[in-house]
C-alpha cells in the first residue's frame, strides 16, 4: 500500500509538472498542413481544350515514339540499371527502419546466467550460481514513438518517390541516347557520301590541272577539304561508339557488350503529338515534388517527436531471478521485483534546444519544397518553349530541303544538256546535304524536347496526396 501510494503521489506530481511545462514550453503538435508554394493555372501552349492527366501522359509514354527497339531498351534499363537498383535498395532500408523505430514502444527482455568461482589462500573454495531475467518497457504515453514511426513512414514514401524520379531520368536518358545513336548513324552515312562526292570533285580538279585548266592551289584546297571531311567522319564514328557505350551502362550491361544496329532516325522514330491544354495538376505527379513534400511531412513529425520528448516518461522494469551456492539448488528459490519509474525532464536544456532545431528544420524542408516546385515550373515551361520553337524550325528546314531537292533535280537535268558543269551539280548536292543534316539535327532535337517535356510533367505516375499517404 505504501509503495502504491508513493507511486500515485509521483504520478500526481508529474501531472502538475506537465501542466506547468505546457505553460512554459510548447509541447503541442500542430496538424500537418500542405506547404504553400507558387501555383500556375495554365501552361505556355497554343490554345486548346484542356485534357485529363491520363490523356496527356500515358504510363508507357515512350511507346508513343513507335519504335519497338526503344521499348525493349527501356524495359531492359528498368530491370538492370544500377542507379535504379541503388534507389530500390534505399526503399528497402527505409521500410526496415519503420519497424526499427516502432520497436522503441515495445518491451525488451534480457535473460542471463552466470557463475562466480573464487579461491582465497587459507580459505575454502567458494562458488555461486545465478540466473535471471529483466523486462523493461518505456510506455509511449504521449505518442512520441508513434510520431517517430510516422516520420519514418514519410521518409519511406520519399524514397519511393526518389525511385520514381530516378526511373523517369533513366527512361529519358535511354531515349535521348538512343536517338543520338540513330542520328549519328545518319550523319555517318551522309558524311560518307560527302567524302565520296568530294573525292570525285578532286579527281575532276586533278584532271583539269593536268590539262592546264586549273591552278595547283585549287587542287590543294580541295585536298585539304577532303582531309577535313575524312577527319569529321572519323570523329562521328568515335562519337557513335562512345554514345553506344553510354547506352550500355544505362541499361545495365558492360560497355561494349551492347550493339545497336545502324538505322535512320527519321525512318525509325516518329514524333508523338503532345496534347494542347495540359492540365496544371500534372505538377502533383512529379516524383521530385512529391518527395520534397514528404520530407516536409517528415520534418513536421520529427518536430512533434522532439516536442513530446519534453514531457515526463514512464518506465516499467520487472526482474526476477535465483541464486545459490550449489548448481542443484539453483531453482529452489526465486526473487521477483517490479519497479515503475517516472522520469521528469526538470532541467534538460538539450531537449528544449533540440525541439527548437527541429522547428527550424521544417523551414528548411518547406523552402526546399518551394524551390523544387519553382524549378519544376521552369523545366516544364522551358520544355514547352523549346519544343514549340524547334518544331517550327524543323518545318522551315523541311521546306528548305524540299526546295533544294527540286534545284538538285533541275541541275541534274541541265547537266545532261550541257547547260551546267559537273562541279555545279556537286556544289548543289553539297548544299542539299548540309540542309539535310540540319533537318536531321532538328528532328532529333524535337524528339529530345518531347522526352524532356514528358519527364518534366512527371511521366505517367499517379497523383499522390502526401498528407494521407504516410498515415
Protein backbone atom coordinates (compact mmCIF):
# COMPACT_ATOMS: atom_id res chain seq x y z
CA UNK A 1 0.00 0.00 0.00
CA UNK A 2 2.78 2.37 0.87
CA UNK A 3 4.54 1.72 -2.46
CA UNK A 4 1.30 2.26 -4.42
CA UNK A 5 0.64 5.49 -2.52
CA UNK A 6 4.15 6.69 -3.27
CA UNK A 7 3.76 5.91 -6.99
CA UNK A 8 0.41 7.71 -7.10
CA UNK A 9 1.97 10.72 -5.44
CA UNK A 10 4.73 10.77 -8.06
CA UNK A 11 2.14 10.45 -10.85
CA UNK A 12 0.09 13.34 -9.44
CA UNK A 13 3.26 15.37 -9.13
CA UNK A 14 4.15 14.63 -12.73
CA UNK A 15 0.68 15.71 -13.86
CA UNK A 16 1.19 19.02 -12.11
CA UNK A 17 4.58 19.28 -13.79
CA UNK A 18 3.05 18.62 -17.20
CA UNK A 19 0.64 21.46 -16.64
CA UNK A 20 3.46 23.77 -15.66
CA UNK A 21 5.55 22.58 -18.60
CA UNK A 22 2.76 23.27 -21.06
CA UNK A 23 2.62 26.79 -19.70
CA UNK A 24 6.38 27.29 -20.09
CA UNK A 25 7.22 25.19 -23.17
CA UNK A 26 5.35 24.49 -26.39
CA UNK A 27 4.62 20.75 -26.37
CA UNK A 28 1.68 20.90 -28.76
CA UNK A 29 1.92 19.01 -32.05
CA UNK A 30 0.05 21.00 -34.72
CA UNK A 31 -1.76 19.23 -37.54
CA UNK A 32 0.23 18.96 -40.75
CA UNK A 33 -0.70 21.43 -43.47
CA UNK A 34 0.33 21.36 -47.11
CA UNK A 35 3.21 23.85 -47.53
CA UNK A 36 2.40 26.93 -49.54
CA UNK A 37 4.09 27.30 -52.90
CA UNK A 38 3.66 29.23 -56.14
CA UNK A 39 0.89 27.90 -58.37
CA UNK A 40 0.11 28.02 -62.09
CA UNK A 41 -3.24 27.68 -63.80
CA UNK A 42 -2.07 27.45 -67.41
CA UNK A 43 1.00 26.50 -69.43
CA UNK A 44 2.65 28.24 -72.38
CA UNK A 45 0.99 26.20 -75.11
CA UNK A 46 -1.23 27.13 -78.06
CA UNK A 47 -4.88 27.47 -77.13
CA UNK A 48 -6.73 24.17 -76.98
CA UNK A 49 -9.19 22.21 -74.93
CA UNK A 50 -7.98 21.04 -71.54
CA UNK A 51 -7.34 17.31 -71.41
CA UNK A 52 -7.23 15.00 -68.44
CA UNK A 53 -3.94 13.88 -66.92
CA UNK A 54 -4.47 10.33 -68.17
CA UNK A 55 -4.99 11.56 -71.73
CA UNK A 56 -1.97 13.86 -71.52
CA UNK A 57 0.62 11.31 -70.49
CA UNK A 58 0.44 7.56 -70.84
CA UNK A 59 2.27 5.45 -68.20
CA UNK A 60 4.31 3.96 -71.09
CA UNK A 61 4.77 7.32 -72.80
CA UNK A 62 7.97 6.24 -74.56
CA UNK A 63 5.97 3.76 -76.66
CA UNK A 64 4.40 6.74 -78.45
CA UNK A 65 7.66 7.13 -80.40
CA UNK A 66 6.67 3.97 -82.26
CA UNK A 67 9.99 2.12 -82.00
CA UNK A 68 9.86 -1.43 -80.58
CA UNK A 69 13.63 -1.45 -80.09
CA UNK A 70 13.38 1.64 -77.87
CA UNK A 71 10.65 -0.13 -75.87
CA UNK A 72 12.92 -3.11 -75.31
CA UNK A 73 15.83 -0.90 -74.26
CA UNK A 74 13.67 0.90 -71.71
CA UNK A 75 12.42 -2.40 -70.32
CA UNK A 76 16.00 -3.65 -70.04
CA UNK A 77 17.12 -0.43 -68.32
CA UNK A 78 14.31 -0.53 -65.76
CA UNK A 79 15.32 -4.08 -64.83
CA UNK A 80 19.10 -3.69 -64.98
CA UNK A 81 20.15 -0.08 -64.35
CA UNK A 82 22.49 0.09 -61.35
CA UNK A 83 21.34 3.53 -60.18
CA UNK A 84 17.74 2.32 -60.05
CA UNK A 85 18.82 -0.74 -58.05
CA UNK A 86 20.55 1.54 -55.54
CA UNK A 87 17.38 3.62 -55.17
CA UNK A 88 15.34 0.42 -54.75
CA UNK A 89 17.73 -0.76 -52.02
CA UNK A 90 17.23 2.55 -50.20
CA UNK A 91 13.49 1.91 -50.22
CA UNK A 92 14.10 -1.44 -48.53
CA UNK A 93 16.28 0.24 -45.90
CA UNK A 94 13.67 2.93 -45.23
CA UNK A 95 10.94 0.32 -44.88
CA UNK A 96 13.04 -1.69 -42.42
CA UNK A 97 13.68 1.45 -40.38
CA UNK A 98 9.93 1.83 -39.78
CA UNK A 99 9.94 -1.41 -37.80
CA UNK A 100 13.13 -0.33 -36.05
CA UNK A 101 11.52 2.91 -34.86
CA UNK A 102 8.30 1.15 -33.88
CA UNK A 103 10.30 -1.28 -31.72
CA UNK A 104 11.00 1.64 -29.37
CA UNK A 105 7.49 1.26 -27.93
CA UNK A 106 7.82 -2.48 -27.28
CA UNK A 107 9.10 -4.16 -24.08
CA UNK A 108 12.63 -5.52 -24.05
CA UNK A 109 13.58 -8.80 -22.36
CA UNK A 110 17.09 -9.71 -21.23
CA UNK A 111 17.91 -13.20 -19.94
CA UNK A 112 21.23 -14.07 -18.35
CA UNK A 113 23.00 -16.67 -16.26
CA UNK A 114 26.38 -16.73 -14.59
CA UNK A 115 28.70 -18.29 -12.06
CA UNK A 116 31.23 -16.90 -9.60
CA UNK A 117 34.19 -19.14 -8.68
CA UNK A 118 36.68 -17.83 -6.13
CA UNK A 119 39.63 -19.24 -4.15
CA UNK A 120 41.47 -17.30 -1.50
CA UNK A 121 44.62 -18.59 0.26
CA UNK A 122 43.76 -20.13 3.59
CA UNK A 123 40.03 -20.25 2.82
CA UNK A 124 37.72 -22.78 1.26
CA UNK A 125 36.91 -22.69 -2.41
CA UNK A 126 33.66 -20.70 -2.96
CA UNK A 127 31.23 -20.82 -5.80
CA UNK A 128 27.91 -19.19 -6.59
CA UNK A 129 25.47 -19.63 -9.45
CA UNK A 130 22.75 -17.23 -10.63
CA UNK A 131 20.11 -16.93 -13.34
CA UNK A 132 17.68 -14.14 -14.02
CA UNK A 133 15.62 -12.12 -16.42
CA UNK A 134 14.84 -8.43 -16.81
CA UNK A 135 11.87 -6.88 -18.61
CA UNK A 136 11.87 -3.16 -19.41
CA UNK A 137 9.10 -1.17 -21.03
CA UNK A 138 9.10 2.54 -21.80
CA UNK A 139 5.39 3.30 -22.11
CA UNK A 140 4.63 5.62 -25.04
CA UNK A 141 2.06 7.70 -23.16
CA UNK A 142 2.26 10.83 -25.31
CA UNK A 143 2.77 9.13 -28.69
CA UNK A 144 6.41 10.14 -29.05
CA UNK A 145 7.39 6.81 -30.61
CA UNK A 146 4.36 6.88 -32.89
CA UNK A 147 5.43 10.30 -34.14
CA UNK A 148 8.81 8.81 -34.97
CA UNK A 149 7.09 5.99 -36.84
CA UNK A 150 5.06 8.49 -38.86
CA UNK A 151 8.23 10.44 -39.67
CA UNK A 152 9.96 7.29 -40.88
CA UNK A 153 6.92 6.37 -42.97
CA UNK A 154 7.19 9.79 -44.63
CA UNK A 155 10.86 9.11 -45.37
CA UNK A 156 9.91 5.70 -46.78
CA UNK A 157 7.42 7.30 -49.17
CA UNK A 158 10.00 9.96 -50.06
CA UNK A 159 12.49 7.25 -51.07
CA UNK A 160 9.75 5.65 -53.18
CA UNK A 161 9.29 8.99 -54.92
CA UNK A 162 13.07 9.23 -55.35
CA UNK A 163 12.93 5.88 -57.17
CA UNK A 164 10.18 7.16 -59.45
CA UNK A 165 12.24 10.27 -60.21
CA UNK A 166 15.24 8.05 -60.98
CA UNK A 167 13.00 5.86 -63.14
CA UNK A 168 11.94 8.90 -65.17
CA UNK A 169 15.52 10.08 -65.51
CA UNK A 170 16.74 6.69 -66.72
CA UNK A 171 13.93 6.35 -69.28
CA UNK A 172 14.64 9.87 -70.54
CA UNK A 173 18.39 9.20 -70.75
CA UNK A 174 17.89 5.90 -72.57
CA UNK A 175 15.54 7.53 -75.07
CA UNK A 176 17.71 10.56 -75.86
CA UNK A 177 20.90 8.46 -76.02
CA UNK A 178 19.23 6.03 -78.41
CA UNK A 179 18.07 8.95 -80.58
CA UNK A 180 21.63 10.29 -80.65
CA UNK A 181 22.96 6.94 -81.87
CA UNK A 182 20.48 6.83 -84.75
CA UNK A 183 21.21 10.46 -85.58
CA UNK A 184 24.93 9.66 -85.68
CA UNK A 185 24.18 6.73 -87.97
CA UNK A 186 22.51 9.08 -90.45
CA UNK A 187 25.28 11.64 -90.09
CA UNK A 188 27.90 8.97 -90.74
CA UNK A 189 26.06 7.91 -93.89
CA UNK A 190 25.73 11.50 -95.07
CA UNK A 191 29.36 12.25 -94.25
CA UNK A 192 30.49 9.18 -96.17
CA UNK A 193 28.52 10.39 -99.18
CA UNK A 194 30.12 13.82 -98.81
CA UNK A 195 33.59 12.25 -98.76
CA UNK A 196 32.77 10.27 -101.91
CA UNK A 197 31.45 13.35 -103.72
CA UNK A 198 34.49 15.41 -102.80
CA UNK A 199 36.81 12.66 -103.97
CA UNK A 200 35.04 12.90 -107.32
CA UNK A 201 35.49 16.68 -107.30
CA UNK A 202 39.18 16.22 -106.51
CA UNK A 203 39.51 13.81 -109.45
CA UNK A 204 37.93 16.40 -111.75
CA UNK A 205 40.22 19.13 -110.39
CA UNK A 206 43.31 16.99 -110.91
CA UNK A 207 42.26 16.24 -114.48
CA UNK A 208 41.69 19.93 -115.14
CA UNK A 209 45.11 20.77 -113.70
CA UNK A 210 46.72 18.17 -115.95
CA UNK A 211 45.13 19.88 -118.94
CA UNK A 212 46.27 23.29 -117.70
CA UNK A 213 42.75 24.48 -116.89
CA UNK A 214 43.15 24.80 -113.09
CA UNK A 215 45.84 26.08 -110.76
CA UNK A 216 47.60 23.87 -108.22
CA UNK A 217 46.18 25.96 -105.38
CA UNK A 218 42.62 24.83 -106.20
CA UNK A 219 43.70 21.17 -106.13
CA UNK A 220 45.47 21.65 -102.81
CA UNK A 221 42.46 23.46 -101.38
CA UNK A 222 40.19 20.55 -102.39
CA UNK A 223 42.58 18.01 -100.91
CA UNK A 224 42.51 19.95 -97.63
CA UNK A 225 38.70 19.87 -97.75
CA UNK A 226 38.79 16.10 -98.26
CA UNK A 227 41.11 15.78 -95.27
CA UNK A 228 38.68 17.78 -93.15
CA UNK A 229 35.70 15.68 -94.23
CA UNK A 230 37.58 12.44 -93.52
CA UNK A 231 38.58 13.71 -90.08
CA UNK A 232 34.93 14.62 -89.33
CA UNK A 233 33.85 11.15 -90.44
CA UNK A 234 36.32 9.55 -88.02
CA UNK A 235 35.03 11.82 -85.24
CA UNK A 236 31.41 10.83 -85.94
CA UNK A 237 32.32 7.15 -85.72
CA UNK A 238 34.14 7.76 -82.44
CA UNK A 239 31.16 9.65 -81.02
CA UNK A 240 28.85 6.84 -82.11
CA UNK A 241 30.92 4.21 -80.29
CA UNK A 242 31.14 6.31 -77.10
CA UNK A 243 27.39 7.01 -77.13
CA UNK A 244 26.70 3.29 -77.58
CA UNK A 245 28.88 2.61 -74.53
CA UNK A 246 26.86 5.14 -72.55
CA UNK A 247 23.64 3.40 -73.57
CA UNK A 248 25.08 0.06 -72.45
CA UNK A 249 25.76 1.49 -68.98
CA UNK A 250 22.23 2.90 -68.80
CA UNK A 251 20.64 -0.49 -69.50
CA UNK A 252 22.96 -2.21 -67.03
CA UNK A 253 25.40 -4.15 -69.23
CA UNK A 254 29.18 -3.68 -69.60
CA UNK A 255 30.25 -1.12 -72.18
CA UNK A 256 30.99 -2.82 -75.48
CA UNK A 257 28.50 -5.66 -74.91
CA UNK A 258 25.51 -3.72 -76.31
CA UNK A 259 25.27 -3.19 -80.06
CA UNK A 260 22.62 -1.08 -81.76
CA UNK A 261 22.11 -1.90 -85.42
CA UNK A 262 22.65 1.14 -87.66
CA UNK A 263 19.44 2.72 -88.85
CA UNK A 264 17.90 6.02 -89.92
CA UNK A 265 16.41 8.11 -87.13
CA UNK A 266 13.78 9.79 -89.30
CA UNK A 267 12.55 6.46 -90.66
CA UNK A 268 12.53 4.55 -87.36
CA UNK A 269 11.29 7.04 -84.73
CA UNK A 270 8.16 9.15 -85.06
CA UNK A 271 7.45 12.40 -83.23
CA UNK A 272 4.40 11.96 -80.95
CA UNK A 273 1.78 14.69 -80.72
CA UNK A 274 1.74 16.37 -77.30
CA UNK A 275 -1.84 17.37 -76.39
CA UNK A 276 -2.61 21.06 -76.08
CA UNK A 277 -4.14 22.48 -72.92
CA UNK A 278 -2.04 20.45 -70.47
CA UNK A 279 -3.68 20.44 -67.01
CA UNK A 280 -1.79 22.26 -64.27
CA UNK A 281 -2.39 19.45 -61.75
CA UNK A 282 0.16 17.34 -63.63
CA UNK A 283 2.72 19.01 -61.36
CA UNK A 284 1.36 16.94 -58.47
CA UNK A 285 2.60 13.86 -60.34
CA UNK A 286 6.26 14.90 -60.44
CA UNK A 287 8.16 12.49 -58.18
CA UNK A 288 10.71 15.08 -57.05
CA UNK A 289 7.92 17.43 -55.92
CA UNK A 290 6.20 14.56 -54.10
CA UNK A 291 9.48 13.53 -52.44
CA UNK A 292 10.14 17.12 -51.32
CA UNK A 293 6.72 17.37 -49.67
CA UNK A 294 7.12 14.00 -47.95
CA UNK A 295 10.31 15.34 -46.42
CA UNK A 296 8.40 18.38 -45.17
CA UNK A 297 5.97 15.96 -43.54
CA UNK A 298 8.89 14.01 -42.08
CA UNK A 299 10.38 17.19 -40.61
CA UNK A 300 6.96 18.02 -39.12
CA UNK A 301 6.78 14.60 -37.43
CA UNK A 302 10.35 14.87 -36.14
CA UNK A 303 9.46 18.24 -34.66
CA UNK A 304 6.42 16.70 -32.95
CA UNK A 305 8.56 13.91 -31.56
CA UNK A 306 11.08 16.44 -30.20
CA UNK A 307 8.34 18.47 -28.52
CA UNK A 308 6.84 15.40 -26.88
CA UNK A 309 10.29 14.50 -25.55
CA UNK A 310 9.88 17.43 -23.11
CA UNK A 311 7.10 15.55 -21.31
CA UNK A 312 7.64 13.01 -18.49
CA UNK A 313 8.28 9.39 -19.44
CA UNK A 314 7.02 6.32 -17.63
CA UNK A 315 9.02 3.11 -17.50
CA UNK A 316 8.22 -0.27 -16.01
CA UNK A 317 11.07 -2.57 -15.09
CA UNK A 318 10.45 -6.11 -13.86
CA UNK A 319 13.13 -8.51 -12.86
CA UNK A 320 13.30 -12.00 -11.49
CA UNK A 321 16.00 -14.50 -10.76
CA UNK A 322 17.56 -17.02 -8.49
CA UNK A 323 20.97 -17.64 -6.92
CA UNK A 324 22.56 -20.42 -4.89
CA UNK A 325 25.91 -21.81 -3.85
CA UNK A 326 25.15 -25.13 -5.49
CA UNK A 327 24.08 -25.75 -9.04
CA UNK A 328 21.49 -28.35 -7.94
CA UNK A 329 19.82 -25.80 -5.64
CA UNK A 330 19.69 -23.03 -8.24
CA UNK A 331 15.93 -23.17 -8.94
CA UNK A 332 14.68 -23.78 -5.40
CA UNK A 333 14.16 -20.12 -4.54
CA UNK A 334 13.18 -17.18 -6.77
CA UNK A 335 13.20 -13.44 -6.33
CA UNK A 336 10.83 -11.12 -8.21
CA UNK A 337 10.58 -7.34 -8.38
CA UNK A 338 8.70 -4.56 -10.19
CA UNK A 339 9.96 -1.01 -10.37
CA UNK A 340 7.83 1.68 -12.05
CA UNK A 341 9.72 4.87 -12.87
CA UNK A 342 8.64 8.33 -13.92
CA UNK A 343 11.40 10.40 -15.47
CA UNK A 344 10.64 14.12 -15.41
CA UNK A 345 12.98 16.27 -17.52
CA UNK A 346 13.02 19.06 -14.93
CA UNK A 347 16.07 20.75 -16.37
CA UNK A 348 17.50 19.46 -19.63
CA UNK A 349 18.38 22.34 -21.97
CA UNK A 350 19.45 19.86 -24.65
CA UNK A 351 15.89 18.57 -25.11
CA UNK A 352 14.45 22.05 -25.48
CA UNK A 353 17.24 23.12 -27.83
CA UNK A 354 16.64 20.04 -29.99
CA UNK A 355 12.95 20.94 -30.23
CA UNK A 356 13.92 24.40 -31.48
CA UNK A 357 16.31 22.87 -34.00
CA UNK A 358 13.62 20.61 -35.44
CA UNK A 359 11.30 23.61 -35.82
CA UNK A 360 13.97 25.35 -37.88
CA UNK A 361 14.47 22.22 -39.98
CA UNK A 362 10.81 22.40 -41.02
CA UNK A 363 11.50 25.79 -42.56
CA UNK A 364 14.43 24.34 -44.48
CA UNK A 365 12.28 21.48 -45.81
CA UNK A 366 9.49 23.88 -46.79
CA UNK A 367 11.85 26.16 -48.67
CA UNK A 368 13.40 23.16 -50.41
CA UNK A 369 9.89 22.11 -51.44
CA UNK A 370 9.15 25.58 -52.83
CA UNK A 371 12.45 25.57 -54.71
CA UNK A 372 11.59 22.18 -56.22
CA UNK A 373 8.19 23.45 -57.33
CA UNK A 374 9.63 26.62 -58.88
CA UNK A 375 12.33 24.61 -60.67
CA UNK A 376 9.68 22.19 -61.92
CA UNK A 377 7.65 25.05 -63.42
CA UNK A 378 10.78 26.32 -65.16
CA UNK A 379 11.54 22.89 -66.60
CA UNK A 380 8.02 22.50 -67.95
CA UNK A 381 7.91 25.99 -69.43
CA UNK A 382 11.37 25.61 -70.99
CA UNK A 383 10.39 22.25 -72.47
CA UNK A 384 7.20 23.72 -73.94
CA UNK A 385 9.02 26.75 -75.39
CA UNK A 386 11.86 24.65 -76.81
CA UNK A 387 9.51 22.07 -78.30
CA UNK A 388 7.35 24.72 -79.95
CA UNK A 389 10.34 26.65 -81.35
CA UNK A 390 12.20 23.57 -82.60
CA UNK A 391 9.07 22.20 -84.27
CA UNK A 392 8.71 25.48 -86.19
CA UNK A 393 12.41 25.41 -87.09
CA UNK A 394 12.02 21.85 -88.34
CA UNK A 395 9.17 22.92 -90.58
CA UNK A 396 11.34 25.69 -92.09
CA UNK A 397 14.24 23.28 -92.60
CA UNK A 398 11.93 20.78 -94.26
CA UNK A 399 10.81 23.45 -96.72
CA UNK A 400 14.44 24.36 -97.38
CA UNK A 401 15.32 20.71 -98.08
CA UNK A 402 12.31 20.30 -100.37
CA UNK A 403 13.31 23.37 -102.38
CA UNK A 404 16.95 22.30 -102.63
CA UNK A 405 15.87 18.85 -103.81
CA UNK A 406 13.96 20.49 -106.66
CA UNK A 407 17.09 22.52 -107.51
CA UNK A 408 19.19 19.33 -107.43
CA UNK A 409 16.86 17.55 -109.87
CA UNK A 410 16.78 20.53 -112.21
CA UNK A 411 20.58 20.89 -112.10
CA UNK A 412 20.99 17.21 -112.95
CA UNK A 413 18.70 17.70 -115.96
CA UNK A 414 20.66 20.76 -117.06
CA UNK A 415 23.88 18.75 -116.83
CA UNK A 416 22.55 16.29 -119.40
CA UNK A 417 22.09 19.05 -121.95
CA UNK A 418 25.37 20.74 -121.08
CA UNK A 419 23.96 23.92 -119.52
CA UNK A 420 25.87 23.44 -116.24
CA UNK A 421 29.07 21.66 -115.30
CA UNK A 422 29.56 18.61 -113.10
CA UNK A 423 31.04 20.90 -110.46
CA UNK A 424 27.78 22.85 -110.30
CA UNK A 425 25.93 19.61 -109.65
CA UNK A 426 28.37 18.65 -106.91
CA UNK A 427 28.06 22.08 -105.29
CA UNK A 428 24.25 21.86 -105.25
CA UNK A 429 24.45 18.40 -103.74
CA UNK A 430 26.80 19.68 -101.07
CA UNK A 431 24.36 22.46 -100.17
CA UNK A 432 21.49 19.97 -100.09
CA UNK A 433 23.49 17.64 -97.84
CA UNK A 434 24.17 20.43 -95.34
CA UNK A 435 20.45 21.27 -95.22
CA UNK A 436 19.54 17.60 -94.75
CA UNK A 437 21.97 17.31 -91.84
CA UNK A 438 20.47 20.43 -90.27
CA UNK A 439 16.99 18.92 -90.67
CA UNK A 440 18.19 15.67 -89.08
CA UNK A 441 19.62 17.56 -86.09
CA UNK A 442 16.37 19.48 -85.74
CA UNK A 443 14.36 16.24 -85.88
CA UNK A 444 16.50 14.71 -83.12
CA UNK A 445 16.12 17.89 -81.06
CA UNK A 446 12.32 17.75 -81.31
CA UNK A 447 12.39 14.13 -80.14
CA UNK A 448 14.61 15.05 -77.19
CA UNK A 449 12.40 18.04 -76.34
CA UNK A 450 9.39 15.74 -76.27
CA UNK A 451 11.18 13.38 -73.90
CA UNK A 452 12.16 16.31 -71.69
CA UNK A 453 8.56 17.53 -71.60
CA UNK A 454 7.21 14.11 -70.58
CA UNK A 455 9.85 13.91 -67.87
CA UNK A 456 9.19 17.48 -66.67
CA UNK A 457 5.47 16.74 -66.35
CA UNK A 458 6.14 13.70 -64.17
CA UNK A 459 5.68 10.90 -66.68
CA UNK A 460 2.65 8.71 -66.15
CA UNK A 461 2.76 8.50 -62.35
CA UNK A 462 -0.47 8.85 -60.41
CA UNK A 463 -1.20 11.85 -58.22
CA UNK A 464 -0.26 11.30 -54.55
CA UNK A 465 -1.87 13.05 -51.58
CA UNK A 466 1.09 13.37 -49.22
CA UNK A 467 -0.87 14.13 -46.06
CA UNK A 468 -2.78 10.83 -46.30
CA UNK A 469 -0.14 8.54 -47.81
CA UNK A 470 2.01 8.10 -44.70
CA UNK A 471 -0.72 7.79 -42.10
